Amino acid sequence: MGLNYDDESVIAGETHTLPYACRVMDPGVIQVYHKLTGWVYIAALPSKYTDELYRIFNQVNPCVPAKNVLQTTLTNGNPAIHPAGTLMMAAWIEATGGDFYFYENGIQPSVGRLIRSIDTERLSIAKAMGFDLYPGPVLTKKQGYLIEDDYENCYRSAPGFKGVKAPQKLDTRYFHEDVGFGLVLFEELGRKFGVEVSNISSVITIASTIMQRDYRAERARTLDKLGLGDLSCQELLNCL
């Protein structure tokens, strides 16, 4: 029996992040590092169902309604943090097999400045699309991860990131997911809405070079892949 995509008894939607931070430690074993204190954005597709989705999900976990799924996508902080951090730690990861703490040891002030440059472009894209988003550290502090909200120092002192090890190798979701599905789409949205995204573009290019794969050409998540490539900026916002 085929799926009925007009079936309004099923609501599709997403949150901008998980309501908890966790890692798989062994098969069937998960360590939860942090349960978010709130500020999880949620949106339905299409957005006319967001209020109903919010009413249901908020009973399970505190959340905040977003305008649409483009806002939840752009609120995800991982594409700003993970690729930039992993690039700057690449030699250390290869030399040690990731035997250090990604946030506590790895995100020194210089790394924080690169993260800030990516995050600034993310915020500019959102602004051009009509979304007023919090800077990454500000939102993450609201969620209980951080005790500070400056880019250069906040991650090393973060109780919510304490004990999180670096990837064991560069063949990691920190590139494949956060560049391929994250930054590539951010770059495309930035160019569509006339926003300067040179730092995002640089991280995509360098990650592609060191991983010997073309994340742009893979088109893991692009507007064309989503069936939205021919829409104008306003049509894109209206259809969601």
C-alpha atoms as a PDB file:
ATOM      1  CA  MET A   1       0.000   0.000   0.000  1.00  0.00           C
ATOM      2  CA  GLY A   2       1.448   3.373  -1.014  1.00  0.00           C
ATOM      3  CA  LEU A   3       1.952   6.314   1.306  1.00  0.00           C
ATOM      4  CA  ASN A   4      -0.595   9.120   1.281  1.00  0.00           C
ATOM      5  CA  TYR A   5       1.450  12.292   1.592  1.00  0.00           C
ATOM      6  CA  ASP A   6      -1.743  14.334   2.107  1.00  0.00           C
ATOM      7  CA  ASP A   7      -2.666  12.367   5.217  1.00  0.00           C
ATOM      8  CA  GLU A   8      -3.050  15.118   7.816  1.00  0.00           C
ATOM      9  CA  SER A   9      -3.293  12.608  10.659  1.00  0.00           C
ATOM     10  CA  VAL A  10       0.516  12.348  10.541  1.00  0.00           C
ATOM     11  CA  ILE A  11       2.562  15.441  11.364  1.00  0.00           C
ATOM     12  CA  ALA A  12       6.179  15.575  10.198  1.00  0.00           C
ATOM     13  CA  GLY A  13       8.574  17.921  11.934  1.00  0.00           C
ATOM     14  CA  GLU A  14      11.969  18.357  13.513  1.00  0.00           C
ATOM     15  CA  THR A  15      13.823  19.854  16.430  1.00  0.00           C
ATOM     16  CA  HIS A  16      16.989  21.844  15.824  1.00  0.00           C
ATOM     17  CA  THR A  17      18.994  19.462  18.023  1.00  0.00           C
ATOM     18  CA  LEU A  18      18.627  16.519  20.360  1.00  0.00           C
ATOM     19  CA  PRO A  19      17.202  17.332  23.815  1.00  0.00           C
ATOM     20  CA  TYR A  20      20.273  15.641  25.311  1.00  0.00           C
ATOM     21  CA  ALA A  21      23.971  15.241  24.544  1.00  0.00           C
ATOM     22  CA  CYS A  22      25.115  11.637  24.337  1.00  0.00           C
ATOM     23  CA  ARG A  23      27.674   9.288  22.803  1.00  0.00           C
ATOM     24  CA  VAL A  24      27.658   5.584  22.009  1.00  0.00           C
ATOM     25  CA  MET A  25      30.341   4.102  24.253  1.00  0.00           C
ATOM     26  CA  ASP A  26      29.915   0.405  23.344  1.00  0.00           C
ATOM     27  CA  PRO A  27      27.291  -1.611  21.471  1.00  0.00           C
ATOM     28  CA  GLY A  28      24.053  -0.970  23.335  1.00  0.00           C
ATOM     29  CA  VAL A  29      25.715   1.451  25.790  1.00  0.00           C
ATOM     30  CA  ILE A  30      25.058   5.198  25.634  1.00  0.00           C
ATOM     31  CA  GLN A  31      26.496   7.848  27.901  1.00  0.00           C
ATOM     32  CA  VAL A  32      24.329  10.929  28.358  1.00  0.00           C
ATOM     33  CA  TYR A  33      26.537  13.934  29.070  1.00  0.00           C
ATOM     34  CA  HIS A  34      23.858  16.562  29.391  1.00  0.00           C
ATOM     35  CA  LYS A  35      20.076  17.006  29.369  1.00  0.00           C
ATOM     36  CA  LEU A  36      19.127  20.355  27.882  1.00  0.00           C
ATOM     37  CA  THR A  37      17.360  22.736  30.242  1.00  0.00           C
ATOM     38  CA  GLY A  38      15.137  24.042  27.448  1.00  0.00           C
ATOM     39  CA  TRP A  39      15.376  26.137  24.291  1.00  0.00           C
ATOM     40  CA  VAL A  40      14.934  23.281  21.822  1.00  0.00           C
ATOM     41  CA  TYR A  41      13.394  24.795  18.682  1.00  0.00           C
ATOM     42  CA  ILE A  42      10.737  22.795  16.854  1.00  0.00           C
ATOM     43  CA  ALA A  43       8.926  23.170  13.518  1.00  0.00           C
ATOM     44  CA  ALA A  44       6.515  21.096  11.465  1.00  0.00           C
ATOM     45  CA  LEU A  45       6.553  20.643   7.708  1.00  0.00           C
ATOM     46  CA  PRO A  46       4.547  22.522   6.579  1.00  0.00           C
ATOM     47  CA  SER A  47       4.686  25.102   9.334  1.00  0.00           C
ATOM     48  CA  LYS A  48       0.904  25.368   9.663  1.00  0.00           C
ATOM     49  CA  TYR A  49       1.155  22.301  11.902  1.00  0.00           C
ATOM     50  CA  THR A  50       3.891  23.684  14.157  1.00  0.00           C
ATOM     51  CA  ASP A  51       1.536  24.824  16.927  1.00  0.00           C
ATOM     52  CA  GLU A  52       0.012  21.351  17.193  1.00  0.00           C
ATOM     53  CA  LEU A  53       3.422  19.668  17.093  1.00  0.00           C
ATOM     54  CA  TYR A  54       4.685  22.070  19.760  1.00  0.00           C
ATOM     55  CA  ARG A  55       1.697  21.325  22.010  1.00  0.00           C
ATOM     56  CA  ILE A  56       2.409  17.592  21.846  1.00  0.00           C
ATOM     57  CA  PHE A  57       6.212  17.658  22.104  1.00  0.00           C
ATOM     58  CA  ASN A  58       6.291  20.278  24.836  1.00  0.00           C
ATOM     59  CA  GLN A  59       4.629  17.779  27.172  1.00  0.00           C
ATOM     60  CA  VAL A  60       7.712  15.572  26.808  1.00  0.00           C
ATOM     61  CA  ASN A  61      10.477  18.155  26.537  1.00  0.00           C
ATOM     62  CA  PRO A  62      10.411  21.968  26.839  1.00  0.00           C
ATOM     63  CA  CYS A  63      10.652  23.485  23.377  1.00  0.00           C
ATOM     64  CA  VAL A  64      10.217  26.728  21.420  1.00  0.00           C
ATOM     65  CA  PRO A  65       8.178  27.029  18.193  1.00  0.00           C
ATOM     66  CA  ALA A  66      10.227  28.040  15.151  1.00  0.00           C
ATOM     67  CA  LYS A  67       8.884  29.776  12.049  1.00  0.00           C
ATOM     68  CA  ASN A  68       9.660  26.811   9.800  1.00  0.00           C
ATOM     69  CA  VAL A  69      12.160  24.013   9.222  1.00  0.00           C
ATOM     70  CA  LEU A  70      14.682  26.395   7.668  1.00  0.00           C
ATOM     71  CA  GLN A  71      14.900  28.129  11.035  1.00  0.00           C
ATOM     72  CA  THR A  72      15.434  24.841  12.881  1.00  0.00           C
ATOM     73  CA  THR A  73      18.067  23.875  10.305  1.00  0.00           C
ATOM     74  CA  LEU A  74      19.944  27.149  10.718  1.00  0.00           C
ATOM     75  CA  THR A  75      19.699  27.002  14.520  1.00  0.00           C
ATOM     76  CA  ASN A  76      21.713  23.765  14.610  1.00  0.00           C
ATOM     77  CA  GLY A  77      25.122  24.768  15.970  1.00  0.00           C
ATOM     78  CA  ASN A  78      27.000  21.607  14.981  1.00  0.00           C
ATOM     79  CA  PRO A  79      27.978  22.774  11.465  1.00  0.00           C
ATOM     80  CA  ALA A  80      29.685  25.814  13.010  1.00  0.00           C
ATOM     81  CA  ILE A  81      31.521  23.907  15.758  1.00  0.00           C
ATOM     82  CA  HIS A  82      32.383  20.405  14.544  1.00  0.00           C
ATOM     83  CA  PRO A  83      34.006  20.994  11.110  1.00  0.00           C
ATOM     84  CA  ALA A  84      36.014  24.027  12.213  1.00  0.00           C
ATOM     85  CA  GLY A  85      37.206  22.268  15.352  1.00  0.00           C
ATOM     86  CA  THR A  86      38.056  19.021  13.578  1.00  0.00           C
ATOM     87  CA  LEU A  87      40.001  20.843  10.861  1.00  0.00           C
ATOM     88  CA  MET A  88      42.084  22.704  13.409  1.00  0.00           C
ATOM     89  CA  MET A  89      42.704  19.483  15.378  1.00  0.00           C
ATOM     90  CA  ALA A  90      43.297  17.238  12.340  1.00  0.00           C
ATOM     91  CA  ALA A  91      46.979  16.473  12.974  1.00  0.00           C
ATOM     92  CA  TRP A  92      46.336  15.913  16.687  1.00  0.00           C
ATOM     93  CA  ILE A  93      43.496  13.489  15.917  1.00  0.00           C
ATOM     94  CA  GLU A  94      45.680  11.538  13.483  1.00  0.00           C
ATOM     95  CA  ALA A  95      48.642  11.454  15.878  1.00  0.00           C
ATOM     96  CA  THR A  96      46.694  10.345  18.970  1.00  0.00           C
ATOM     97  CA  GLY A  97      43.671   8.526  17.600  1.00  0.00           C
ATOM     98  CA  GLY A  98      41.521  11.167  19.250  1.00  0.00           C
ATOM     99  CA  ASP A  99      42.946  10.553  22.720  1.00  0.00           C
ATOM    100  CA  PHE A 100      42.056  13.985  24.051  1.00  0.00           C
ATOM    101  CA  TYR A 101      38.945  15.982  24.916  1.00  0.00           C
ATOM    102  CA  PHE A 102      37.446  17.738  21.912  1.00  0.00           C
ATOM    103  CA  TYR A 103      36.088  20.745  23.796  1.00  0.00           C
ATOM    104  CA  GLU A 104      38.207  20.962  26.950  1.00  0.00           C
ATOM    105  CA  ASN A 105      41.557  20.496  25.178  1.00  0.00           C
ATOM    106  CA  GLY A 106      40.841  21.210  21.539  1.00  0.00           C
ATOM    107  CA  ILE A 107      38.832  24.400  21.319  1.00  0.00           C
ATOM    108  CA  GLN A 108      41.519  26.877  22.239  1.00  0.00           C
ATOM    109  CA  PRO A 109      40.966  30.604  21.520  1.00  0.00           C
ATOM    110  CA  SER A 110      42.180  30.394  17.896  1.00  0.00           C
ATOM    111  CA  VAL A 111      39.722  27.580  17.192  1.00  0.00           C
ATOM    112  CA  GLY A 112      36.990  29.578  18.902  1.00  0.00           C
ATOM    113  CA  ARG A 113      37.677  32.493  16.557  1.00  0.00           C
ATOM    114  CA  LEU A 114      37.199  30.268  13.505  1.00  0.00           C
ATOM    115  CA  ILE A 115      33.949  28.934  14.996  1.00  0.00           C
ATOM    116  CA  ARG A 116      32.836  32.533  15.551  1.00  0.00           C
ATOM    117  CA  SER A 117      33.446  33.372  11.882  1.00  0.00           C
ATOM    118  CA  ILE A 118      31.284  30.452  10.745  1.00  0.00           C
ATOM    119  CA  ASP A 119      28.590  31.277  13.284  1.00  0.00           C
ATOM    120  CA  THR A 120      28.532  34.937  12.251  1.00  0.00           C
ATOM    121  CA  GLU A 121      27.835  33.920   8.675  1.00  0.00           C
ATOM    122  CA  ARG A 122      25.137  31.500   9.865  1.00  0.00           C
ATOM    123  CA  LEU A 123      23.434  34.345  11.741  1.00  0.00           C
ATOM    124  CA  SER A 124      23.665  36.598   8.675  1.00  0.00           C
ATOM    125  CA  ILE A 125      21.990  33.955   6.510  1.00  0.00           C
ATOM    126  CA  ALA A 126      19.202  33.625   9.060  1.00  0.00           C
ATOM    127  CA  LYS A 127      18.788  37.406   9.247  1.00  0.00           C
ATOM    128  CA  ALA A 128      18.440  37.640   5.465  1.00  0.00           C
ATOM    129  CA  MET A 129      15.707  34.996   5.672  1.00  0.00           C
ATOM    130  CA  GLY A 130      13.809  36.840   8.399  1.00  0.00           C
ATOM    131  CA  PHE A 131      15.010  34.837  11.426  1.00  0.00           C
ATOM    132  CA  ASP A 132      16.594  36.466  14.476  1.00  0.00           C
ATOM    133  CA  LEU A 133      18.741  33.702  15.941  1.00  0.00           C
ATOM    134  CA  TYR A 134      20.917  33.694  19.040  1.00  0.00           C
ATOM    135  CA  PRO A 135      24.679  33.387  18.594  1.00  0.00           C
ATOM    136  CA  GLY A 136      25.743  29.790  19.191  1.00  0.00           C
ATOM    137  CA  PRO A 137      27.276  30.255  22.663  1.00  0.00           C
ATOM    138  CA  VAL A 138      24.352  32.381  23.873  1.00  0.00           C
ATOM    139  CA  LEU A 139      21.778  29.745  22.922  1.00  0.00           C
ATOM    140  CA  THR A 140      23.985  26.930  24.190  1.00  0.00           C
ATOM    141  CA  LYS A 141      24.321  28.713  27.542  1.00  0.00           C
ATOM    142  CA  LYS A 142      20.526  28.970  27.722  1.00  0.00           C
ATOM    143  CA  GLN A 143      20.408  25.210  27.162  1.00  0.00           C
ATOM    144  CA  GLY A 144      22.639  24.620  30.159  1.00  0.00           C
ATOM    145  CA  TYR A 145      25.753  23.459  28.297  1.00  0.00           C
ATOM    146  CA  LEU A 146      27.871  26.532  29.013  1.00  0.00           C
ATOM    147  CA  ILE A 147      28.615  28.850  31.881  1.00  0.00           C
ATOM    148  CA  GLU A 148      30.197  31.488  29.611  1.00  0.00           C
ATOM    149  CA  ASP A 149      29.044  32.714  26.219  1.00  0.00           C
ATOM    150  CA  ASP A 150      32.194  33.971  24.493  1.00  0.00           C
ATOM    151  CA  TYR A 151      33.539  31.966  21.572  1.00  0.00           C
ATOM    152  CA  GLU A 152      37.197  31.907  22.617  1.00  0.00           C
ATOM    153  CA  ASN A 153      36.785  30.401  26.079  1.00  0.00           C
ATOM    154  CA  CYS A 154      33.257  29.072  26.596  1.00  0.00           C
ATOM    155  CA  TYR A 155      33.709  25.534  25.237  1.00  0.00           C
ATOM    156  CA  ARG A 156      36.686  24.610  27.408  1.00  0.00           C
ATOM    157  CA  SER A 157      34.814  25.474  30.621  1.00  0.00           C
ATOM    158  CA  ALA A 158      31.478  23.990  29.534  1.00  0.00           C
ATOM    159  CA  PRO A 159      29.986  21.492  32.023  1.00  0.00           C
ATOM    160  CA  GLY A 160      27.738  20.085  29.283  1.00  0.00           C
ATOM    161  CA  PHE A 161      30.730  19.188  27.085  1.00  0.00           C
ATOM    162  CA  LYS A 162      32.982  17.897  29.841  1.00  0.00           C
ATOM    163  CA  GLY A 163      34.483  14.494  29.055  1.00  0.00           C
ATOM    164  CA  VAL A 164      33.545  14.399  25.361  1.00  0.00           C
ATOM    165  CA  LYS A 165      36.470  12.788  23.515  1.00  0.00           C
ATOM    166  CA  ALA A 166      37.654  13.812  20.053  1.00  0.00           C
ATOM    167  CA  PRO A 167      36.842  11.610  17.051  1.00  0.00           C
ATOM    168  CA  GLN A 168      39.205   8.645  16.765  1.00  0.00           C
ATOM    169  CA  LYS A 169      39.817   9.392  13.088  1.00  0.00           C
ATOM    170  CA  LEU A 170      39.053  12.052  10.503  1.00  0.00           C
ATOM    171  CA  ASP A 171      36.547   9.732   8.827  1.00  0.00           C
ATOM    172  CA  THR A 172      33.844  11.133  11.086  1.00  0.00           C
ATOM    173  CA  ARG A 173      30.342  12.552  11.084  1.00  0.00           C
ATOM    174  CA  TYR A 174      31.905  15.841  12.183  1.00  0.00           C
ATOM    175  CA  PHE A 175      32.860  16.186   8.495  1.00  0.00           C
ATOM    176  CA  HIS A 176      30.492  13.909   6.587  1.00  0.00           C
ATOM    177  CA  GLU A 177      27.346  15.088   8.367  1.00  0.00           C
ATOM    178  CA  ASP A 178      28.150  18.627   9.444  1.00  0.00           C
ATOM    179  CA  VAL A 179      29.882  19.644   6.208  1.00  0.00           C
ATOM    180  CA  GLY A 180      27.983  17.472   3.733  1.00  0.00           C
ATOM    181  CA  PHE A 181      24.494  18.002   5.144  1.00  0.00           C
ATOM    182  CA  GLY A 182      25.133  21.257   7.024  1.00  0.00           C
ATOM    183  CA  LEU A 183      27.663  23.712   5.647  1.00  0.00           C
ATOM    184  CA  VAL A 184      26.996  22.870   1.993  1.00  0.00           C
ATOM    185  CA  LEU A 185      23.353  23.863   2.457  1.00  0.00           C
ATOM    186  CA  PHE A 186      24.333  26.929   4.514  1.00  0.00           C
ATOM    187  CA  GLU A 187      26.620  28.039   1.678  1.00  0.00           C
ATOM    188  CA  GLU A 188      23.860  27.583  -0.878  1.00  0.00           C
ATOM    189  CA  LEU A 189      21.324  29.496   1.221  1.00  0.00           C
ATOM    190  CA  GLY A 190      23.843  32.273   1.800  1.00  0.00           C
ATOM    191  CA  ARG A 191      24.482  32.716  -1.901  1.00  0.00           C
ATOM    192  CA  LYS A 192      20.762  32.546  -2.706  1.00  0.00           C
ATOM    193  CA  PHE A 193      19.973  35.275  -0.190  1.00  0.00           C
ATOM    194  CA  GLY A 194      23.010  37.426  -1.048  1.00  0.00           C
ATOM    195  CA  VAL A 195      25.054  36.805   2.108  1.00  0.00           C
ATOM    196  CA  GLU A 196      28.865  36.653   2.285  1.00  0.00           C
ATOM    197  CA  VAL A 197      29.844  33.103   3.298  1.00  0.00           C
ATOM    198  CA  SER A 198      33.596  33.024   2.589  1.00  0.00           C
ATOM    199  CA  ASN A 199      34.509  31.296   5.852  1.00  0.00           C
ATOM    200  CA  ILE A 200      31.871  28.610   5.382  1.00  0.00           C
ATOM    201  CA  SER A 201      33.104  28.087   1.821  1.00  0.00           C
ATOM    202  CA  SER A 202      36.716  27.830   2.990  1.00  0.00           C
ATOM    203  CA  VAL A 203      35.908  25.147   5.553  1.00  0.00           C
ATOM    204  CA  ILE A 204      33.985  23.124   2.934  1.00  0.00           C
ATOM    205  CA  THR A 205      36.897  23.368   0.500  1.00  0.00           C
ATOM    206  CA  ILE A 206      39.605  22.443   3.007  1.00  0.00           C
ATOM    207  CA  ALA A 207      37.552  19.593   4.486  1.00  0.00           C
ATOM    208  CA  SER A 208      36.994  18.259   0.965  1.00  0.00           C
ATOM    209  CA  THR A 209      40.718  18.488   0.262  1.00  0.00           C
ATOM    210  CA  ILE A 210      41.946  16.641   3.339  1.00  0.00           C
ATOM    211  CA  MET A 211      39.222  13.991   3.092  1.00  0.00           C
ATOM    212  CA  GLN A 212      39.764  13.528  -0.681  1.00  0.00           C
ATOM    213  CA  ARG A 213      36.076  13.881  -1.456  1.00  0.00           C
ATOM    214  CA  ASP A 214      33.994  16.703  -2.869  1.00  0.00           C
ATOM    215  CA  TYR A 215      31.255  17.478  -0.368  1.00  0.00           C
ATOM    216  CA  ARG A 216      29.632  19.965  -2.735  1.00  0.00           C
ATOM    217  CA  ALA A 217      29.494  17.483  -5.605  1.00  0.00           C
ATOM    218  CA  GLU A 218      27.996  14.808  -3.355  1.00  0.00           C
ATOM    219  CA  ARG A 219      24.893  17.003  -2.936  1.00  0.00           C
ATOM    220  CA  ALA A 220      23.882  15.268   0.291  1.00  0.00           C
ATOM    221  CA  ARG A 221      21.413  18.051   1.095  1.00  0.00           C
ATOM    222  CA  THR A 222      20.938  20.853  -1.403  1.00  0.00           C
ATOM    223  CA  LEU A 223      17.927  22.883  -2.480  1.00  0.00           C
ATOM    224  CA  ASP A 224      17.765  20.955  -5.760  1.00  0.00           C
ATOM    225  CA  LYS A 225      17.938  17.646  -3.904  1.00  0.00           C
ATOM    226  CA  LEU A 226      15.027  18.831  -1.751  1.00  0.00           C
ATOM    227  CA  GLY A 227      13.006  19.901  -4.793  1.00  0.00           C
ATOM    228  CA  LEU A 228      13.338  23.582  -3.896  1.00  0.00           C
ATOM    229  CA  GLY A 229      16.061  24.730  -6.271  1.00  0.00           C
ATOM    230  CA  ASP A 230      13.812  26.572  -8.745  1.00  0.00           C
ATOM    231  CA  LEU A 231      12.016  28.668  -6.129  1.00  0.00           C
ATOM    232  CA  SER A 232      12.686  32.337  -5.553  1.00  0.00           C
ATOM    233  CA  CYS A 233      13.702  33.473  -2.081  1.00  0.00           C
ATOM    234  CA  GLN A 234      10.144  34.446  -1.187  1.00  0.00           C
ATOM    235  CA  GLU A 235       8.651  31.310  -2.745  1.00  0.00           C
ATOM    236  CA  LEU A 236      11.064  29.224  -0.716  1.00  0.00           C
ATOM    237  CA  LEU A 237       9.968  30.823   2.540  1.00  0.00           C
ATOM    238  CA  ASN A 238       6.284  30.675   1.610  1.00  0.00           C
ATOM    239  CA  CYS A 239       6.238  27.001   0.673  1.00  0.00           C
ATOM    240  CA  LEU A 240       7.492  25.907   4.104  1.00  0.00           C
END
